[in-house]
C-alpha atoms as a PDB file:
ATOM      1  CA  MET A   1      -8.687   7.933  28.271  1.00  0.00           C
ATOM      2  CA  ASP A   2     -10.150  10.159  25.563  1.00  0.00           C
ATOM      3  CA  LYS A   3      -8.626   9.637  22.169  1.00  0.00           C
ATOM      4  CA  LYS A   4      -6.472  12.428  20.751  1.00  0.00           C
ATOM      5  CA  ILE A   5      -8.142  14.482  18.039  1.00  0.00           C
ATOM      6  CA  VAL A   6      -6.315  14.660  14.712  1.00  0.00           C
ATOM      7  CA  ILE A   7      -7.462  16.877  11.836  1.00  0.00           C
ATOM      8  CA  ILE A   8      -6.588  15.626   8.341  1.00  0.00           C
ATOM      9  CA  THR A   9      -7.182  17.793   5.270  1.00  0.00           C
ATOM     10  CA  GLY A  10      -7.547  16.317   1.808  1.00  0.00           C
ATOM     11  CA  ALA A  11      -8.923  13.180   3.439  1.00  0.00           C
ATOM     12  CA  SER A  12     -11.259  11.942   0.716  1.00  0.00           C
ATOM     13  CA  ARG A  13      -8.697  10.040  -1.360  1.00  0.00           C
ATOM     14  CA  GLY A  14      -5.067   9.116  -1.892  1.00  0.00           C
ATOM     15  CA  LEU A  15      -2.668   9.712   0.974  1.00  0.00           C
ATOM     16  CA  GLY A  16      -5.288  11.553   3.040  1.00  0.00           C
ATOM     17  CA  LEU A  17      -7.655   8.592   2.917  1.00  0.00           C
ATOM     18  CA  ASN A  18      -4.860   6.192   3.862  1.00  0.00           C
ATOM     19  CA  LEU A  19      -3.966   8.428   6.808  1.00  0.00           C
ATOM     20  CA  VAL A  20      -7.586   8.281   7.981  1.00  0.00           C
ATOM     21  CA  LYS A  21      -7.542   4.473   7.782  1.00  0.00           C
ATOM     22  CA  GLN A  22      -4.238   4.017   9.612  1.00  0.00           C
ATOM     23  CA  LEU A  23      -4.677   6.652  12.318  1.00  0.00           C
ATOM     24  CA  SER A  24      -8.225   5.605  13.160  1.00  0.00           C
ATOM     25  CA  GLN A  25      -6.890   2.149  14.069  1.00  0.00           C
ATOM     26  CA  ASP A  26      -4.586   3.720  16.631  1.00  0.00           C
ATOM     27  CA  GLU A  27      -5.191   6.062  19.556  1.00  0.00           C
ATOM     28  CA  TYR A  28      -6.742   8.858  17.521  1.00  0.00           C
ATOM     29  CA  ARG A  29     -10.137  10.353  16.807  1.00  0.00           C
ATOM     30  CA  ILE A  30     -10.175  11.711  13.270  1.00  0.00           C
ATOM     31  CA  ILE A  31     -11.700  14.901  11.885  1.00  0.00           C
ATOM     32  CA  ALA A  32     -11.505  14.290   8.145  1.00  0.00           C
ATOM     33  CA  THR A  33     -12.036  17.193   5.803  1.00  0.00           C
ATOM     34  CA  SER A  34     -12.160  17.840   2.077  1.00  0.00           C
ATOM     35  CA  ARG A  35     -14.440  19.672  -0.305  1.00  0.00           C
ATOM     36  CA  THR A  36     -16.720  16.661  -0.781  1.00  0.00           C
ATOM     37  CA  LEU A  37     -17.238  13.295   0.852  1.00  0.00           C
ATOM     38  CA  SER A  38     -15.971  10.454  -1.343  1.00  0.00           C
ATOM     39  CA  ASP A  39     -17.560   7.002  -1.380  1.00  0.00           C
ATOM     40  CA  GLU A  40     -14.363   5.483   0.049  1.00  0.00           C
ATOM     41  CA  LEU A  41     -14.250   7.889   2.983  1.00  0.00           C
ATOM     42  CA  GLU A  42     -17.957   7.406   3.646  1.00  0.00           C
ATOM     43  CA  ARG A  43     -17.396   3.649   3.948  1.00  0.00           C
ATOM     44  CA  GLU A  44     -14.629   4.226   6.494  1.00  0.00           C
ATOM     45  CA  ILE A  45     -16.915   6.507   8.509  1.00  0.00           C
ATOM     46  CA  ASP A  46     -19.656   3.867   8.500  1.00  0.00           C
ATOM     47  CA  ARG A  47     -17.157   1.315   9.857  1.00  0.00           C
ATOM     48  CA  ASN A  48     -15.549   3.475  12.524  1.00  0.00           C
ATOM     49  CA  PRO A  49     -17.364   5.875  14.902  1.00  0.00           C
ATOM     50  CA  ASP A  50     -14.060   7.641  15.625  1.00  0.00           C
ATOM     51  CA  ILE A  51     -13.991   9.149  12.116  1.00  0.00           C
ATOM     52  CA  HIS A  52     -15.964  12.351  11.540  1.00  0.00           C
ATOM     53  CA  PHE A  53     -16.305  14.335   8.310  1.00  0.00           C
ATOM     54  CA  ARG A  54     -16.611  18.096   8.177  1.00  0.00           C
ATOM     55  CA  PRO A  55     -16.410  19.654   4.679  1.00  0.00           C
ATOM     56  CA  LEU A  56     -14.006  22.508   4.032  1.00  0.00           C
ATOM     57  CA  ASP A  57     -13.094  24.134   0.718  1.00  0.00           C
ATOM     58  CA  LEU A  58      -9.616  25.585   1.165  1.00  0.00           C
ATOM     59  CA  ALA A  59     -10.082  27.638  -1.988  1.00  0.00           C
ATOM     60  CA  GLU A  60     -12.453  29.789   0.091  1.00  0.00           C
ATOM     61  CA  THR A  61     -10.039  31.391   2.551  1.00  0.00           C
ATOM     62  CA  ASP A  62     -12.824  33.158   4.468  1.00  0.00           C
ATOM     63  CA  SER A  63     -14.295  29.803   5.499  1.00  0.00           C
ATOM     64  CA  VAL A  64     -11.234  28.666   7.459  1.00  0.00           C
ATOM     65  CA  ARG A  65     -11.729  30.617  10.698  1.00  0.00           C
ATOM     66  CA  PRO A  66     -15.433  29.710  11.237  1.00  0.00           C
ATOM     67  CA  TRP A  67     -14.629  26.079  10.385  1.00  0.00           C
ATOM     68  CA  VAL A  68     -12.018  25.918  13.156  1.00  0.00           C
ATOM     69  CA  LYS A  69     -14.475  27.514  15.584  1.00  0.00           C
ATOM     70  CA  GLU A  70     -17.059  24.839  14.757  1.00  0.00           C
ATOM     71  CA  ILE A  71     -14.507  22.048  15.272  1.00  0.00           C
ATOM     72  CA  LYS A  72     -13.543  23.395  18.686  1.00  0.00           C
ATOM     73  CA  GLU A  73     -17.152  23.751  19.805  1.00  0.00           C
ATOM     74  CA  ASN A  74     -18.192  20.278  18.639  1.00  0.00           C
ATOM     75  CA  TYR A  75     -15.088  18.166  19.259  1.00  0.00           C
ATOM     76  CA  GLY A  76     -12.780  20.022  21.608  1.00  0.00           C
ATOM     77  CA  LEU A  77      -9.112  20.946  21.332  1.00  0.00           C
ATOM     78  CA  PRO A  78      -7.111  19.097  18.658  1.00  0.00           C
ATOM     79  CA  TYR A  79      -3.868  17.259  19.324  1.00  0.00           C
ATOM     80  CA  ALA A  80      -2.627  17.340  15.740  1.00  0.00           C
ATOM     81  CA  LEU A  81      -3.146  18.949  12.356  1.00  0.00           C
ATOM     82  CA  ILE A  82      -2.036  17.200   9.179  1.00  0.00           C
ATOM     83  CA  ASN A  83      -2.038  19.619   6.243  1.00  0.00           C
ATOM     84  CA  ASN A  84      -2.339  17.157   3.383  1.00  0.00           C
ATOM     85  CA  ALA A  85      -4.763  18.885   0.986  1.00  0.00           C
ATOM     86  CA  ALA A  86      -3.168  20.287  -2.143  1.00  0.00           C
ATOM     87  CA  LEU A  87      -3.907  21.015  -5.757  1.00  0.00           C
ATOM     88  CA  GLY A  88      -1.490  19.900  -8.447  1.00  0.00           C
ATOM     89  CA  HIS A  89      -2.405  21.673 -11.693  1.00  0.00           C
ATOM     90  CA  ASP A  90       0.317  20.862 -14.176  1.00  0.00           C
ATOM     91  CA  GLY A  91       1.359  23.039 -17.076  1.00  0.00           C
ATOM     92  CA  VAL A  92       4.241  25.125 -18.336  1.00  0.00           C
ATOM     93  CA  LEU A  93       4.276  28.397 -16.395  1.00  0.00           C
ATOM     94  CA  SER A  94       4.150  30.606 -19.491  1.00  0.00           C
ATOM     95  CA  THR A  95       0.880  29.024 -20.633  1.00  0.00           C
ATOM     96  CA  MET A  96      -0.838  28.500 -17.273  1.00  0.00           C
ATOM     97  CA  HIS A  97      -3.943  30.579 -16.705  1.00  0.00           C
ATOM     98  CA  ASP A  98      -3.640  33.207 -13.972  1.00  0.00           C
ATOM     99  CA  SER A  99      -6.657  31.745 -12.187  1.00  0.00           C
ATOM    100  CA  GLU A 100      -4.941  28.338 -11.934  1.00  0.00           C
ATOM    101  CA  ILE A 101      -1.835  29.889 -10.397  1.00  0.00           C
ATOM    102  CA  ILE A 102      -3.900  31.876  -7.881  1.00  0.00           C
ATOM    103  CA  GLU A 103      -5.966  28.804  -6.964  1.00  0.00           C
ATOM    104  CA  LEU A 104      -2.823  26.731  -6.386  1.00  0.00           C
ATOM    105  CA  VAL A 105      -1.307  29.358  -4.111  1.00  0.00           C
ATOM    106  CA  ASN A 106      -4.579  29.906  -2.217  1.00  0.00           C
ATOM    107  CA  VAL A 107      -5.155  26.209  -1.487  1.00  0.00           C
ATOM    108  CA  ASN A 108      -1.584  24.980  -1.060  1.00  0.00           C
ATOM    109  CA  ILE A 109      -0.219  27.956   0.881  1.00  0.00           C
ATOM    110  CA  THR A 110      -2.619  30.713   1.968  1.00  0.00           C
ATOM    111  CA  SER A 111      -5.435  28.596   3.391  1.00  0.00           C
ATOM    112  CA  THR A 112      -2.992  26.055   4.796  1.00  0.00           C
ATOM    113  CA  ILE A 113      -1.220  28.802   6.729  1.00  0.00           C
ATOM    114  CA  LEU A 114      -4.536  30.270   7.917  1.00  0.00           C
ATOM    115  CA  LEU A 115      -5.779  26.872   9.071  1.00  0.00           C
ATOM    116  CA  THR A 116      -2.511  26.279  10.908  1.00  0.00           C
ATOM    117  CA  LYS A 117      -2.765  29.725  12.513  1.00  0.00           C
ATOM    118  CA  TYR A 118      -6.172  29.065  14.067  1.00  0.00           C
ATOM    119  CA  ILE A 119      -5.434  25.466  15.044  1.00  0.00           C
ATOM    120  CA  SER A 120      -2.108  26.450  16.619  1.00  0.00           C
ATOM    121  CA  ARG A 121      -3.963  28.970  18.799  1.00  0.00           C
ATOM    122  CA  LEU A 122      -5.919  26.051  20.277  1.00  0.00           C
ATOM    123  CA  MET A 123      -2.710  24.084  20.840  1.00  0.00           C
ATOM    124  CA  LEU A 124      -1.271  27.007  22.782  1.00  0.00           C
ATOM    125  CA  ARG A 125      -3.971  26.452  25.424  1.00  0.00           C
ATOM    126  CA  VAL A 126      -2.821  22.929  26.252  1.00  0.00           C
ATOM    127  CA  LYS A 127       0.871  23.477  25.433  1.00  0.00           C
ATOM    128  CA  LYS A 128       1.124  20.301  23.414  1.00  0.00           C
ATOM    129  CA  GLY A 129       0.545  19.249  19.845  1.00  0.00           C
ATOM    130  CA  ARG A 130       1.757  18.145  16.458  1.00  0.00           C
ATOM    131  CA  ILE A 131       1.633  19.975  13.135  1.00  0.00           C
ATOM    132  CA  ILE A 132       2.628  17.961  10.077  1.00  0.00           C
ATOM    133  CA  ASN A 133       2.733  19.512   6.615  1.00  0.00           C
ATOM    134  CA  ILE A 134       2.743  17.220   3.582  1.00  0.00           C
ATOM    135  CA  SER A 135       5.192  18.457   0.971  1.00  0.00           C
ATOM    136  CA  SER A 136       6.725  16.584  -1.985  1.00  0.00           C
ATOM    137  CA  ILE A 137      10.168  15.698  -3.315  1.00  0.00           C
ATOM    138  CA  ILE A 138       9.236  17.940  -6.239  1.00  0.00           C
ATOM    139  CA  ALA A 139       9.940  20.870  -3.904  1.00  0.00           C
ATOM    140  CA  SER A 140      13.632  19.969  -3.961  1.00  0.00           C
ATOM    141  CA  ASN A 141      13.993  17.936  -7.162  1.00  0.00           C
ATOM    142  CA  GLY A 142      11.667  19.815  -9.506  1.00  0.00           C
ATOM    143  CA  TYR A 143       9.565  18.378 -12.294  1.00  0.00           C
ATOM    144  CA  ASN A 144       8.729  19.685 -15.754  1.00  0.00           C
ATOM    145  CA  GLY A 145       5.311  21.352 -15.793  1.00  0.00           C
ATOM    146  CA  LEU A 146       4.975  21.584 -12.008  1.00  0.00           C
ATOM    147  CA  SER A 147       6.891  24.787 -11.252  1.00  0.00           C
ATOM    148  CA  VAL A 148       4.029  26.495  -9.397  1.00  0.00           C
ATOM    149  CA  TYR A 149       3.210  23.341  -7.446  1.00  0.00           C
ATOM    150  CA  ALA A 150       6.907  23.039  -6.548  1.00  0.00           C
ATOM    151  CA  ALA A 151       6.952  26.677  -5.422  1.00  0.00           C
ATOM    152  CA  THR A 152       4.035  26.087  -3.050  1.00  0.00           C
ATOM    153  CA  LYS A 153       5.611  22.970  -1.557  1.00  0.00           C
ATOM    154  CA  SER A 154       8.976  24.698  -1.090  1.00  0.00           C
ATOM    155  CA  SER A 155       7.168  27.510   0.694  1.00  0.00           C
ATOM    156  CA  LEU A 156       5.485  24.980   2.960  1.00  0.00           C
ATOM    157  CA  GLU A 157       8.843  23.539   4.005  1.00  0.00           C
ATOM    158  CA  GLY A 158      10.215  26.982   4.872  1.00  0.00           C
ATOM    159  CA  PHE A 159       7.016  27.775   6.763  1.00  0.00           C
ATOM    160  CA  SER A 160       7.399  24.568   8.795  1.00  0.00           C
ATOM    161  CA  LYS A 161      10.989  25.273   9.816  1.00  0.00           C
ATOM    162  CA  SER A 162      10.255  28.778  11.061  1.00  0.00           C
ATOM    163  CA  LEU A 163       7.004  27.770  12.750  1.00  0.00           C
ATOM    164  CA  SER A 164       8.819  24.990  14.616  1.00  0.00           C
ATOM    165  CA  ARG A 165      10.894  27.696  16.337  1.00  0.00           C
ATOM    166  CA  GLU A 166       7.786  29.658  17.280  1.00  0.00           C
ATOM    167  CA  MET A 167       5.877  26.660  18.635  1.00  0.00           C
ATOM    168  CA  GLY A 168       8.700  24.734  20.264  1.00  0.00           C
ATOM    169  CA  LYS A 169       8.501  26.788  23.449  1.00  0.00           C
ATOM    170  CA  VAL A 170       4.994  25.403  24.061  1.00  0.00           C
ATOM    171  CA  ASN A 171       5.878  21.786  23.292  1.00  0.00           C
ATOM    172  CA  VAL A 172       4.296  21.744  19.816  1.00  0.00           C
ATOM    173  CA  THR A 173       6.383  20.098  17.114  1.00  0.00           C
ATOM    174  CA  VAL A 174       6.171  21.136  13.461  1.00  0.00           C
ATOM    175  CA  ASN A 175       7.511  18.870  10.747  1.00  0.00           C
ATOM    176  CA  THR A 176       7.226  18.231   7.036  1.00  0.00           C
ATOM    177  CA  VAL A 177       6.846  14.918   5.251  1.00  0.00           C
ATOM    178  CA  ALA A 178       7.985  14.885   1.626  1.00  0.00           C
ATOM    179  CA  PRO A 179       6.657  11.841  -0.216  1.00  0.00           C
ATOM    180  CA  GLY A 180       8.034  10.657  -3.494  1.00  0.00           C
ATOM    181  CA  TYR A 181       5.895   9.598  -6.410  1.00  0.00           C
ATOM    182  CA  MET A 182       2.936   7.550  -5.188  1.00  0.00           C
ATOM    183  CA  GLU A 183       0.266   5.655  -7.077  1.00  0.00           C
ATOM    184  CA  THR A 184      -2.505   8.172  -6.437  1.00  0.00           C
ATOM    185  CA  ASP A 185      -4.775  10.388  -8.541  1.00  0.00           C
ATOM    186  CA  MET A 186      -1.967  12.957  -8.739  1.00  0.00           C
ATOM    187  CA  THR A 187       0.348  10.579 -10.602  1.00  0.00           C
ATOM    188  CA  LYS A 188      -2.356   9.375 -12.997  1.00  0.00           C
ATOM    189  CA  GLY A 189      -1.499  12.370 -15.160  1.00  0.00           C
ATOM    190  CA  ILE A 190       2.092  11.149 -15.566  1.00  0.00           C
ATOM    191  CA  SER A 191       2.574   8.931 -18.614  1.00  0.00           C
ATOM    192  CA  SER A 192       3.471   5.272 -18.077  1.00  0.00           C
ATOM    193  CA  LYS A 193       6.781   5.921 -19.859  1.00  0.00           C
ATOM    194  CA  ASN A 194       7.708   8.694 -17.403  1.00  0.00           C
ATOM    195  CA  LEU A 195       6.586   6.576 -14.442  1.00  0.00           C
ATOM    196  CA  ASP A 196       8.830   3.750 -15.644  1.00  0.00           C
ATOM    197  CA  THR A 197      11.723   6.229 -15.798  1.00  0.00           C
ATOM    198  CA  ILE A 198      10.966   7.363 -12.233  1.00  0.00           C
ATOM    199  CA  LYS A 199      10.946   3.747 -11.038  1.00  0.00           C
ATOM    200  CA  ARG A 200      14.232   2.946 -12.776  1.00  0.00           C
ATOM    201  CA  ARG A 201      15.863   6.010 -11.210  1.00  0.00           C
ATOM    202  CA  SER A 202      14.865   4.856  -7.744  1.00  0.00           C
ATOM    203  CA  PRO A 203      17.369   2.612  -5.900  1.00  0.00           C
ATOM    204  CA  LEU A 204      14.389   0.434  -4.901  1.00  0.00           C
ATOM    205  CA  LYS A 205      13.046   0.441  -8.498  1.00  0.00           C
ATOM    206  CA  ARG A 206       9.492   1.292  -7.464  1.00  0.00           C
ATOM    207  CA  LEU A 207       7.115   4.014  -6.318  1.00  0.00           C
ATOM    208  CA  VAL A 208       6.506   4.636  -2.637  1.00  0.00           C
ATOM    209  CA  SER A 209       3.167   3.473  -1.198  1.00  0.00           C
ATOM    210  CA  THR A 210       0.701   5.676   0.655  1.00  0.00           C
ATOM    211  CA  SER A 211       0.908   3.253   3.602  1.00  0.00           C
ATOM    212  CA  GLU A 212       4.664   3.815   3.880  1.00  0.00           C
ATOM    213  CA  VAL A 213       4.177   7.584   3.962  1.00  0.00           C
ATOM    214  CA  SER A 214       1.379   7.226   6.532  1.00  0.00           C
ATOM    215  CA  SER A 215       3.724   5.217   8.747  1.00  0.00           C
ATOM    216  CA  GLY A 216       6.157   8.132   8.734  1.00  0.00           C
ATOM    217  CA  VAL A 217       3.363  10.472   9.773  1.00  0.00           C
ATOM    218  CA  LEU A 218       2.363   8.071  12.561  1.00  0.00           C
ATOM    219  CA  TYR A 219       5.893   8.208  13.900  1.00  0.00           C
ATOM    220  CA  LEU A 220       5.916  12.016  13.968  1.00  0.00           C
ATOM    221  CA  LEU A 221       2.606  11.972  15.849  1.00  0.00           C
ATOM    222  CA  SER A 222       3.933   9.583  18.490  1.00  0.00           C
ATOM    223  CA  GLU A 223       5.615  10.301  21.815  1.00  0.00           C
ATOM    224  CA  ASP A 224       8.772   8.709  20.403  1.00  0.00           C
ATOM    225  CA  ALA A 225       9.074  11.763  18.139  1.00  0.00           C
ATOM    226  CA  SER A 226       8.593  14.341  20.894  1.00  0.00           C
ATOM    227  CA  SER A 227      12.080  15.781  20.272  1.00  0.00           C
ATOM    228  CA  VAL A 228      11.780  15.771  16.472  1.00  0.00           C
ATOM    229  CA  THR A 229      10.841  19.167  15.070  1.00  0.00           C
ATOM    230  CA  GLY A 230      11.739  21.411  12.166  1.00  0.00           C
ATOM    231  CA  ILE A 231      12.716  18.540   9.867  1.00  0.00           C
ATOM    232  CA  THR A 232      11.645  17.314   6.456  1.00  0.00           C
ATOM    233  CA  LEU A 233      11.172  13.555   6.427  1.00  0.00           C
ATOM    234  CA  THR A 234      11.616  12.285   2.884  1.00  0.00           C
ATOM    235  CA  ILE A 235       9.915   9.003   1.991  1.00  0.00           C
ATOM    236  CA  ASP A 236      10.488   8.357  -1.704  1.00  0.00           C
ATOM    237  CA  ALA A 237      11.974   4.870  -2.258  1.00  0.00           C
ATOM    238  CA  GLY A 238      15.327   6.619  -2.598  1.00  0.00           C
ATOM    239  CA  ASN A 239      14.276   8.621  -5.665  1.00  0.00           C
ATOM    240  CA  SER A 240      16.049  11.782  -4.528  1.00  0.00           C
ATOM    241  CA  ALA A 241      19.290   9.983  -3.538  1.00  0.00           C
END
């Protein structure tokens, strides 16, 4: 049988790269996208013919529709879309530059919604699919200096819940995964003192791994999760307990 096509945004590093690694070992054919091709992702592509890279800059909203058209023409209809790409500019709102705020909203919300719009149209044809939006526990817990980032992730969770009602009638599930603090490039900007505080606050006394979050995504992609939709799956080592 042909492998199911899964599109993963923000696939060049961090959680996105781990998702590429884990899903490509399963029953999926991966369309990995990001602005540029990282060395790590290129190595995975060289090892696995089921991984394909197609660049997409979500900051350029006009590029989303033609990109989806190209994917359909070259690879066929996708089974799943994982909206993982996000910017995380930190800074107190009152001192953030307007351009940084606009860029965050464009990448984390506007282009993500547009990409989902055009991919969901393709899912309507086969009346089956999975849409998974990667949020963050910061959407519900907050974090100093990440108010705009938190706003975009909260918006994504509300978007997912409402979209699940629209798409449920055609057997497409829409869910959100909210990871806790992971050891990725995004947390490199957090001081070691603050990271130690985060670990101590967690019942498990540690950060969550990208592999653990990827396993949650794998579950939501599976047939076992065919009746799971409209939820936010939090994977954070208990940090938000």
